[in-house]
Amino acid sequence: MLEARHLTKVFDLSPSRARRALGAGADGDRARAVREAGGVLAVDDVSFSVERGELFVIMGLSGSGKSTVIRMINRLVTPTAGNVVYDGTDVGAMTPRQLRELRNQRIGMVFQHFALFPHRTVRENAAYGLKARGMPRRERLRRADRALEQVGLGRRGDAYPDEFSGGMQQRVGLARALTTDPDVLIMDEPFSALDPLTRRAMQEQLLELQRDFRKTIIFVTHDLNEAMRLGDRIMVMRDGRIVQLGTGPDIISRPADGYVHDFVSDVDRTRVLTAGTVMQPAWVTATVDEDPAAVLARVADSRGQGVYVTAPDGEIAGVATPELLSRAVAERAADLRDCLSDDYTAVPDDTPLVEFCHLTGGHAVPLAVVDRDKHLVGVAPRARVLDAIASAPEDVNAHA
């Protein structure tokens, strides 16, 4: 959907002087070379891609370069070097008309400060982007009402912003972006000014919207817990460069250096790690149409006390224990359909560890992990879950 290639931005120098300074530091410290020339290297050779429908988080402390990166995506800031390719088109090669279309129709933005018009109703605020396009009033208000409904403000369109709390005003800002139905939504620290409870409620609102509509979202934050909760992938920045890019569990388990290690040290692992990240392949499985004697032999050779049995569609049909299998063999059963037990528990692979750790260890078989189609994809034995909770991130002293 979107690809950034070697994005670099130097402030306080002309383009020609900036390029000379970058060249002078090509074999060493480019930031130092730029600084000695009187400039600031805000972003240094940043490359990444964002998939369609992905919620991609850019995380870093103030001054890390994250806000400059997102402003180069729609060319609100012109890169000193590098380029952005949006849906196959080089943004740097776009005409002024194409850039206006990109900003007004293709890429929406939500900022930390709501920037609502106090003299306009909430509905009119949400519809403002469509008014700028010249859309007829009736249609833009209809679409604004639909967006307000999506963010939980469907009955408050006639209110004014000063009647709303900060969290509700931010919902209006989000509705304003959704009204224009952009392909990509860029959110620059949109929840950082909110109190903790409201911030969490807005995070949940965003996740719910993402589950329903699968927008391509680039979300900027300085809060690691927020990044871990929201991001499909997270790009950690420091001093204008990418330090690490990966999923939340990857970053928690394998921090790239001491900087990232310090970041993740206080994160609650039970809320980041999921069933899918701690699961392992099932020791032994079977299908309902298999011969009980053959399955009993496999179970006897394994360390398990039972076997997950799947139906033809891949869903779990039940569990067969050695006792049930032995009875089926004695009764000359043709398959496993009559020797199944429901003595098991299953959780979706995206379930946070905190929500299922208490469910492990109570059955003959380990906790089952299933995908969105309810197919068995692995198991989460109690010992593995406890190890995931207790394990510290890998030693990164060599990288510090």
Protein backbone atom coordinates (compact mmCIF):
# COMPACT_ATOMS: atom_id res chain seq x y z
CA MET A 1 0.00 0.00 0.00
CA LEU A 2 2.76 2.40 0.96
CA GLU A 3 6.55 2.20 0.88
CA ALA A 4 9.13 4.62 2.24
CA ARG A 5 12.57 4.31 0.64
CA HIS A 6 15.64 5.80 2.33
CA LEU A 7 13.76 8.82 3.67
CA THR A 8 16.13 11.50 4.94
CA LYS A 9 15.33 15.01 6.14
CA VAL A 10 17.74 17.81 7.03
CA PHE A 11 16.42 21.04 8.51
CA ASP A 12 18.08 24.49 8.59
CA LEU A 13 20.22 23.92 5.47
CA SER A 14 19.50 24.54 1.82
CA PRO A 15 18.95 21.37 -0.24
CA SER A 16 22.38 21.64 -1.88
CA ARG A 17 24.23 22.24 1.41
CA ALA A 18 22.26 19.44 3.06
CA ARG A 19 23.26 16.99 0.31
CA ARG A 20 26.92 18.02 0.62
CA ALA A 21 26.81 17.51 4.39
CA LEU A 22 25.19 14.10 3.99
CA GLY A 23 27.85 13.14 1.48
CA ALA A 24 30.61 14.27 3.81
CA GLY A 25 29.28 11.98 6.50
CA ALA A 26 28.50 9.05 4.22
CA ASP A 27 31.28 6.89 5.66
CA GLY A 28 30.82 7.98 9.25
CA ASP A 29 28.47 10.03 11.42
CA ARG A 30 26.04 11.80 9.08
CA ALA A 31 24.28 13.54 11.98
CA ARG A 32 27.59 15.04 13.10
CA ALA A 33 28.47 16.18 9.59
CA VAL A 34 25.09 17.86 9.21
CA ARG A 35 25.38 19.46 12.66
CA GLU A 36 28.82 20.86 11.86
CA ALA A 37 27.35 22.39 8.71
CA GLY A 38 24.71 24.15 10.83
CA GLY A 39 21.78 21.81 10.19
CA VAL A 40 19.73 19.18 11.98
CA LEU A 41 19.40 15.63 10.69
CA ALA A 42 15.82 14.84 11.75
CA VAL A 43 15.37 11.60 9.77
CA ASP A 44 18.27 9.48 8.58
CA ASP A 45 17.80 6.83 5.87
CA VAL A 46 14.47 5.38 6.99
CA SER A 47 12.87 2.62 4.92
CA PHE A 48 9.71 0.64 5.65
CA SER A 49 6.52 -0.59 4.02
CA VAL A 50 2.91 -0.67 5.20
CA GLU A 51 0.56 -3.40 4.00
CA ARG A 52 -3.03 -2.75 2.99
CA GLY A 53 -5.29 -3.11 6.05
CA GLU A 54 -2.37 -2.99 8.50
CA LEU A 55 -2.28 -0.95 11.70
CA PHE A 56 1.37 0.14 11.60
CA VAL A 57 2.75 1.94 14.65
CA ILE A 58 5.71 4.33 14.62
CA MET A 59 7.03 4.72 18.16
CA GLY A 60 9.72 6.86 19.71
CA LEU A 61 10.41 9.59 22.23
CA SER A 62 10.20 13.29 21.40
CA GLY A 63 12.83 14.19 18.82
CA SER A 64 13.08 10.67 17.41
CA GLY A 65 11.86 11.79 13.98
CA LYS A 66 8.53 9.96 13.90
CA SER A 67 6.34 13.01 13.19
CA THR A 68 8.70 14.18 10.43
CA VAL A 69 8.44 10.75 8.81
CA ILE A 70 4.66 10.83 8.60
CA ARG A 71 4.69 14.36 7.20
CA MET A 72 6.97 13.21 4.41
CA ILE A 73 4.47 10.49 3.48
CA ASN A 74 1.98 13.01 2.05
CA ARG A 75 4.71 15.56 1.34
CA LEU A 76 3.70 18.12 3.93
CA VAL A 77 7.47 17.99 4.50
CA THR A 78 9.67 17.51 1.43
CA PRO A 79 12.37 14.86 1.89
CA THR A 80 15.98 15.89 1.48
CA ALA A 81 16.61 12.43 0.03
CA GLY A 82 14.60 9.28 -0.54
CA ASN A 83 11.02 8.91 -1.68
CA VAL A 84 7.58 7.56 -0.80
CA VAL A 85 5.64 5.26 -3.11
CA TYR A 86 1.91 5.28 -2.51
CA ASP A 87 -0.09 2.50 -4.17
CA GLY A 88 2.55 2.24 -6.90
CA THR A 89 2.96 6.00 -7.51
CA ASP A 90 5.99 8.07 -6.46
CA VAL A 91 4.62 10.86 -4.25
CA GLY A 92 7.63 13.04 -5.10
CA ALA A 93 6.69 12.96 -8.79
CA MET A 94 3.08 14.02 -8.21
CA THR A 95 1.78 17.28 -9.66
CA PRO A 96 0.28 19.88 -7.30
CA ARG A 97 -3.18 18.71 -8.34
CA GLN A 98 -2.33 15.08 -7.61
CA LEU A 99 -0.89 16.06 -4.22
CA ARG A 100 -4.10 17.89 -3.30
CA GLU A 101 -6.10 14.81 -4.23
CA LEU A 102 -3.75 12.63 -2.18
CA ARG A 103 -4.18 14.81 0.90
CA ASN A 104 -7.90 15.48 0.51
CA GLN A 105 -9.12 12.06 -0.58
CA ARG A 106 -6.51 9.31 -0.21
CA ILE A 107 -4.75 10.02 3.09
CA GLY A 108 -6.59 11.33 6.14
CA MET A 109 -4.92 12.70 9.27
CA VAL A 110 -5.92 12.83 12.93
CA PHE A 111 -3.81 14.97 15.25
CA GLN A 112 -3.25 15.24 19.00
CA HIS A 113 -5.06 18.59 19.06
CA PHE A 114 -8.60 18.24 17.85
CA ALA A 115 -8.75 21.57 15.92
CA LEU A 116 -12.55 21.56 15.87
CA PHE A 117 -14.50 24.66 14.81
CA PRO A 118 -16.28 25.86 17.98
CA HIS A 119 -19.02 27.68 16.03
CA ARG A 120 -19.96 24.59 13.99
CA THR A 121 -21.99 21.64 15.18
CA VAL A 122 -20.35 18.26 15.67
CA ARG A 123 -22.01 17.07 12.44
CA GLU A 124 -20.69 20.08 10.53
CA ASN A 125 -17.21 19.53 11.95
CA ALA A 126 -17.28 15.89 10.86
CA ALA A 127 -18.44 16.91 7.38
CA TYR A 128 -15.88 19.69 6.88
CA GLY A 129 -13.48 17.68 4.72
CA LEU A 130 -16.29 16.89 2.29
CA LYS A 131 -17.31 20.54 2.18
CA ALA A 132 -13.77 21.37 1.06
CA ARG A 133 -14.28 18.89 -1.81
CA GLY A 134 -17.47 20.66 -2.89
CA MET A 135 -19.81 17.79 -2.05
CA PRO A 136 -23.50 18.77 -1.76
CA ARG A 137 -24.60 19.56 1.78
CA ARG A 138 -27.17 16.77 2.13
CA GLU A 139 -24.73 14.06 1.06
CA ARG A 140 -21.86 15.27 3.21
CA LEU A 141 -24.07 15.51 6.30
CA ARG A 142 -25.40 12.00 5.63
CA ARG A 143 -21.85 10.66 5.46
CA ALA A 144 -20.90 12.64 8.58
CA ASP A 145 -23.79 11.06 10.49
CA ARG A 146 -22.62 7.62 9.42
CA ALA A 147 -19.07 8.34 10.65
CA LEU A 148 -20.37 9.74 13.94
CA GLU A 149 -22.35 6.54 14.39
CA GLN A 150 -19.17 4.54 13.87
CA VAL A 151 -17.41 6.37 16.73
CA GLY A 152 -20.35 6.20 19.11
CA LEU A 153 -21.70 9.74 18.63
CA GLY A 154 -24.63 8.98 16.35
CA ARG A 155 -27.14 10.96 18.41
CA ARG A 156 -24.94 13.96 19.19
CA GLY A 157 -24.56 15.53 15.76
CA ASP A 158 -26.41 18.73 16.72
CA ALA A 159 -24.20 19.39 19.75
CA TYR A 160 -21.26 21.81 19.76
CA PRO A 161 -17.63 20.88 20.59
CA ASP A 162 -17.56 22.81 23.87
CA GLU A 163 -20.30 20.51 25.17
CA PHE A 164 -17.95 17.53 24.82
CA SER A 165 -15.14 16.13 26.95
CA GLY A 166 -11.65 15.75 25.48
CA GLY A 167 -12.29 12.12 24.62
CA MET A 168 -15.54 12.90 22.85
CA GLN A 169 -13.89 15.74 20.93
CA GLN A 170 -11.23 13.31 19.77
CA ARG A 171 -14.02 11.01 18.58
CA VAL A 172 -15.28 13.90 16.46
CA GLY A 173 -11.78 14.34 15.03
CA LEU A 174 -11.69 10.65 14.17
CA ALA A 175 -15.17 10.85 12.62
CA ARG A 176 -14.02 13.81 10.50
CA ALA A 177 -11.22 11.66 9.09
CA LEU A 178 -13.52 8.68 8.53
CA THR A 179 -16.13 10.82 6.75
CA THR A 180 -13.79 11.35 3.81
CA ASP A 181 -13.26 7.54 3.62
CA PRO A 182 -9.48 7.74 3.03
CA ASP A 183 -7.44 4.75 1.90
CA VAL A 184 -4.80 5.51 4.56
CA LEU A 185 -5.38 7.08 7.96
CA ILE A 186 -2.40 8.76 9.68
CA MET A 187 -2.84 9.37 13.39
CA ASP A 188 -0.19 11.55 15.06
CA GLU A 189 -0.27 10.91 18.82
CA PRO A 190 -4.06 11.36 18.79
CA PHE A 191 -4.70 10.13 22.33
CA SER A 192 -1.70 11.55 24.20
CA ALA A 193 -3.61 14.53 25.65
CA LEU A 194 -6.34 12.32 27.13
CA ASP A 195 -6.57 10.97 30.66
CA PRO A 196 -5.67 7.27 31.07
CA LEU A 197 -9.23 5.93 31.21
CA THR A 198 -10.40 7.96 28.21
CA ARG A 199 -7.24 7.05 26.34
CA ARG A 200 -7.88 3.34 26.85
CA ALA A 201 -11.49 3.76 25.74
CA MET A 202 -10.32 5.48 22.55
CA GLN A 203 -7.79 2.71 21.90
CA GLU A 204 -10.59 0.16 22.20
CA GLN A 205 -12.75 2.26 19.86
CA LEU A 206 -9.96 2.30 17.29
CA LEU A 207 -9.43 -1.46 17.56
CA GLU A 208 -13.16 -2.04 17.11
CA LEU A 209 -13.22 0.16 14.02
CA GLN A 210 -10.19 -1.67 12.66
CA ARG A 211 -11.85 -5.05 13.18
CA ASP A 212 -14.90 -3.84 11.26
CA PHE A 213 -13.31 -1.86 8.41
CA ARG A 214 -9.63 -2.93 8.13
CA LYS A 215 -8.33 0.52 7.29
CA THR A 216 -4.66 1.06 6.55
CA ILE A 217 -3.55 3.05 9.59
CA ILE A 218 -0.20 4.61 10.49
CA PHE A 219 -0.32 5.43 14.19
CA VAL A 220 2.35 7.54 15.90
CA THR A 221 2.91 7.34 19.65
CA HIS A 222 5.61 7.71 22.30
CA ASP A 223 3.84 5.21 24.58
CA LEU A 224 5.08 1.63 24.28
CA ASN A 225 2.05 0.10 25.98
CA GLU A 226 -0.19 1.87 23.48
CA ALA A 227 2.01 0.69 20.62
CA MET A 228 1.93 -2.88 21.87
CA ARG A 229 -1.83 -2.84 22.27
CA LEU A 230 -2.61 -1.38 18.86
CA GLY A 231 0.11 -2.29 16.38
CA ASP A 232 0.18 -5.20 13.96
CA ARG A 233 3.82 -4.15 13.61
CA ILE A 234 5.82 -1.52 15.46
CA MET A 235 8.71 0.59 14.16
CA VAL A 236 10.85 1.93 17.02
CA MET A 237 12.82 5.10 16.21
CA ARG A 238 15.66 6.90 17.92
CA ASP A 239 17.63 9.95 16.74
CA GLY A 240 16.02 9.82 13.31
CA ARG A 241 16.78 6.16 12.61
CA ILE A 242 14.94 2.86 12.87
CA VAL A 243 16.13 0.86 15.87
CA GLN A 244 13.79 -2.10 15.44
CA LEU A 245 10.78 -3.08 13.35
CA GLY A 246 8.63 -6.09 14.20
CA THR A 247 5.55 -7.34 16.01
CA GLY A 248 5.01 -6.50 19.65
CA PRO A 249 5.86 -10.02 20.86
CA ASP A 250 9.02 -10.02 18.71
CA ILE A 251 10.19 -6.75 20.21
CA ILE A 252 9.34 -7.87 23.75
CA SER A 253 11.15 -11.21 23.36
CA ARG A 254 14.12 -10.09 21.23
CA PRO A 255 14.91 -6.38 21.74
CA ALA A 256 17.46 -5.23 19.17
CA ASP A 257 19.65 -3.24 21.56
CA GLY A 258 19.89 -1.77 25.04
CA TYR A 259 17.65 1.17 24.13
CA VAL A 260 14.76 -1.11 23.15
CA HIS A 261 15.53 -3.43 26.07
CA ASP A 262 15.06 -0.54 28.50
CA PHE A 263 11.79 0.37 26.80
CA VAL A 264 10.27 -3.08 27.11
CA SER A 265 11.55 -3.90 30.60
CA ASP A 266 8.42 -2.53 32.32
CA VAL A 267 5.86 -3.81 29.83
CA ASP A 268 3.30 -6.29 31.15
CA ARG A 269 4.17 -9.32 29.03
CA THR A 270 0.86 -11.03 29.82
CA ARG A 271 -0.99 -8.31 27.91
CA VAL A 272 1.31 -8.39 24.88
CA LEU A 273 2.08 -12.07 24.39
CA THR A 274 -0.79 -14.03 22.87
CA ALA A 275 -1.80 -17.66 22.57
CA GLY A 276 -0.34 -17.66 19.07
CA THR A 277 3.07 -16.48 20.28
CA VAL A 278 3.43 -19.03 23.10
CA MET A 279 1.82 -22.06 21.42
CA GLN A 280 3.67 -25.10 20.10
CA PRO A 281 2.58 -27.86 17.69
CA ALA A 282 0.27 -30.45 19.23
CA TRP A 283 2.17 -33.59 20.24
CA VAL A 284 -0.28 -35.80 18.38
CA THR A 285 -3.54 -35.22 16.52
CA ALA A 286 -6.06 -37.34 14.68
CA THR A 287 -9.09 -37.02 12.42
CA VAL A 288 -12.51 -38.44 13.16
CA ASP A 289 -12.36 -41.07 10.41
CA GLU A 290 -9.10 -42.71 11.63
CA ASP A 291 -8.83 -46.22 13.05
CA PRO A 292 -8.90 -46.15 16.90
CA ALA A 293 -6.15 -48.80 17.18
CA ALA A 294 -3.74 -46.75 15.06
CA VAL A 295 -4.46 -43.61 17.04
CA LEU A 296 -4.07 -45.46 20.35
CA ALA A 297 -0.61 -46.60 19.26
CA ARG A 298 0.38 -42.97 18.48
CA VAL A 299 -0.88 -41.75 21.84
CA ALA A 300 1.02 -44.51 23.66
CA ASP A 301 4.24 -43.32 22.00
CA SER A 302 3.66 -39.68 22.95
CA ARG A 303 3.95 -37.81 26.23
CA GLY A 304 0.33 -36.69 26.13
CA GLN A 305 -2.66 -38.10 27.96
CA GLY A 306 -4.98 -37.59 25.01
CA VAL A 307 -5.28 -36.49 21.43
CA TYR A 308 -7.16 -33.68 19.73
CA VAL A 309 -9.45 -35.05 17.04
CA THR A 310 -10.49 -32.77 14.18
CA ALA A 311 -13.52 -32.87 11.93
CA PRO A 312 -13.24 -32.82 8.10
CA ASP A 313 -13.59 -29.02 8.11
CA GLY A 314 -10.58 -28.67 10.43
CA GLU A 315 -12.49 -27.72 13.57
CA ILE A 316 -11.94 -29.59 16.82
CA ALA A 317 -14.42 -32.47 17.11
CA GLY A 318 -13.29 -33.49 20.58
CA VAL A 319 -10.59 -35.26 22.55
CA ALA A 320 -9.81 -38.97 22.61
CA THR A 321 -8.09 -40.28 25.75
CA PRO A 322 -6.31 -43.65 25.97
CA GLU A 323 -9.24 -45.04 27.96
CA LEU A 324 -11.79 -44.01 25.34
CA LEU A 325 -9.58 -45.31 22.54
CA SER A 326 -9.08 -48.66 24.29
CA ARG A 327 -12.85 -49.03 24.66
CA ALA A 328 -13.33 -48.19 20.97
CA VAL A 329 -10.74 -50.81 19.99
CA ALA A 330 -12.45 -53.44 22.17
CA GLU A 331 -15.80 -52.61 20.61
CA ARG A 332 -14.28 -52.75 17.08
CA ALA A 333 -15.31 -49.17 16.31
CA ALA A 334 -14.60 -48.15 12.72
CA ASP A 335 -13.56 -44.59 13.54
CA LEU A 336 -13.28 -42.08 16.38
CA ARG A 337 -16.74 -40.53 16.22
CA ASP A 338 -18.11 -42.50 19.17
CA CYS A 339 -15.12 -42.14 21.49
CA LEU A 340 -14.79 -38.38 21.86
CA SER A 341 -14.83 -36.23 24.97
CA ASP A 342 -15.31 -32.48 25.33
CA ASP A 343 -12.75 -32.34 28.14
CA TYR A 344 -10.71 -29.48 26.66
CA THR A 345 -10.59 -25.69 26.37
CA ALA A 346 -9.77 -23.68 23.23
CA VAL A 347 -8.87 -20.00 22.76
CA PRO A 348 -8.32 -17.89 19.62
CA ASP A 349 -4.67 -17.37 18.67
CA ASP A 350 -4.87 -13.61 19.28
CA THR A 351 -6.04 -13.97 22.90
CA PRO A 352 -3.70 -12.14 25.34
CA LEU A 353 -1.93 -14.41 27.78
CA VAL A 354 -3.54 -12.68 30.76
CA GLU A 355 -6.95 -13.86 29.58
CA PHE A 356 -6.18 -17.58 29.32
CA CYS A 357 -3.26 -18.47 31.62
CA HIS A 358 -5.71 -19.60 34.34
CA LEU A 359 -7.31 -22.05 31.89
CA THR A 360 -4.21 -24.19 31.41
CA GLY A 361 -3.49 -27.46 33.17
CA GLY A 362 -7.03 -28.53 33.99
CA HIS A 363 -7.56 -31.12 31.25
CA ALA A 364 -6.03 -34.29 29.84
CA VAL A 365 -4.76 -32.30 26.87
CA PRO A 366 -3.06 -28.87 26.76
CA LEU A 367 -5.05 -25.75 26.00
CA ALA A 368 -6.01 -25.68 22.31
CA VAL A 369 -5.20 -22.65 20.15
CA VAL A 370 -7.45 -22.02 17.14
CA ASP A 371 -7.44 -19.55 14.26
CA ARG A 372 -10.31 -17.33 13.13
CA ASP A 373 -11.86 -20.31 11.30
CA LYS A 374 -11.71 -22.33 14.55
CA HIS A 375 -9.11 -24.68 13.10
CA LEU A 376 -6.61 -26.19 15.55
CA VAL A 377 -3.24 -24.46 15.02
CA GLY A 378 -1.35 -25.47 18.16
CA VAL A 379 -1.46 -26.05 21.90
CA ALA A 380 -0.32 -24.02 24.91
CA PRO A 381 0.92 -26.35 27.67
CA ARG A 382 0.91 -24.92 31.18
CA ALA A 383 4.71 -25.12 31.49
CA ARG A 384 5.17 -23.13 28.29
CA VAL A 385 2.73 -20.45 29.43
CA LEU A 386 4.43 -20.08 32.80
CA ASP A 387 7.82 -19.87 31.11
CA ALA A 388 6.55 -17.11 28.83
CA ILE A 389 5.35 -15.12 31.84
CA ALA A 390 8.59 -15.58 33.77
CA SER A 391 11.10 -15.18 30.95
CA ALA A 392 12.99 -11.92 30.70
CA PRO A 393 13.90 -10.47 27.29
CA GLU A 394 17.02 -11.98 25.76
CA ASP A 395 20.32 -10.55 26.93
CA VAL A 396 21.21 -7.66 24.67
CA ASN A 397 24.36 -6.44 26.38
CA ALA A 398 26.30 -7.24 23.23
CA HIS A 399 24.11 -4.78 21.33
CA ALA A 400 24.11 -1.98 23.89
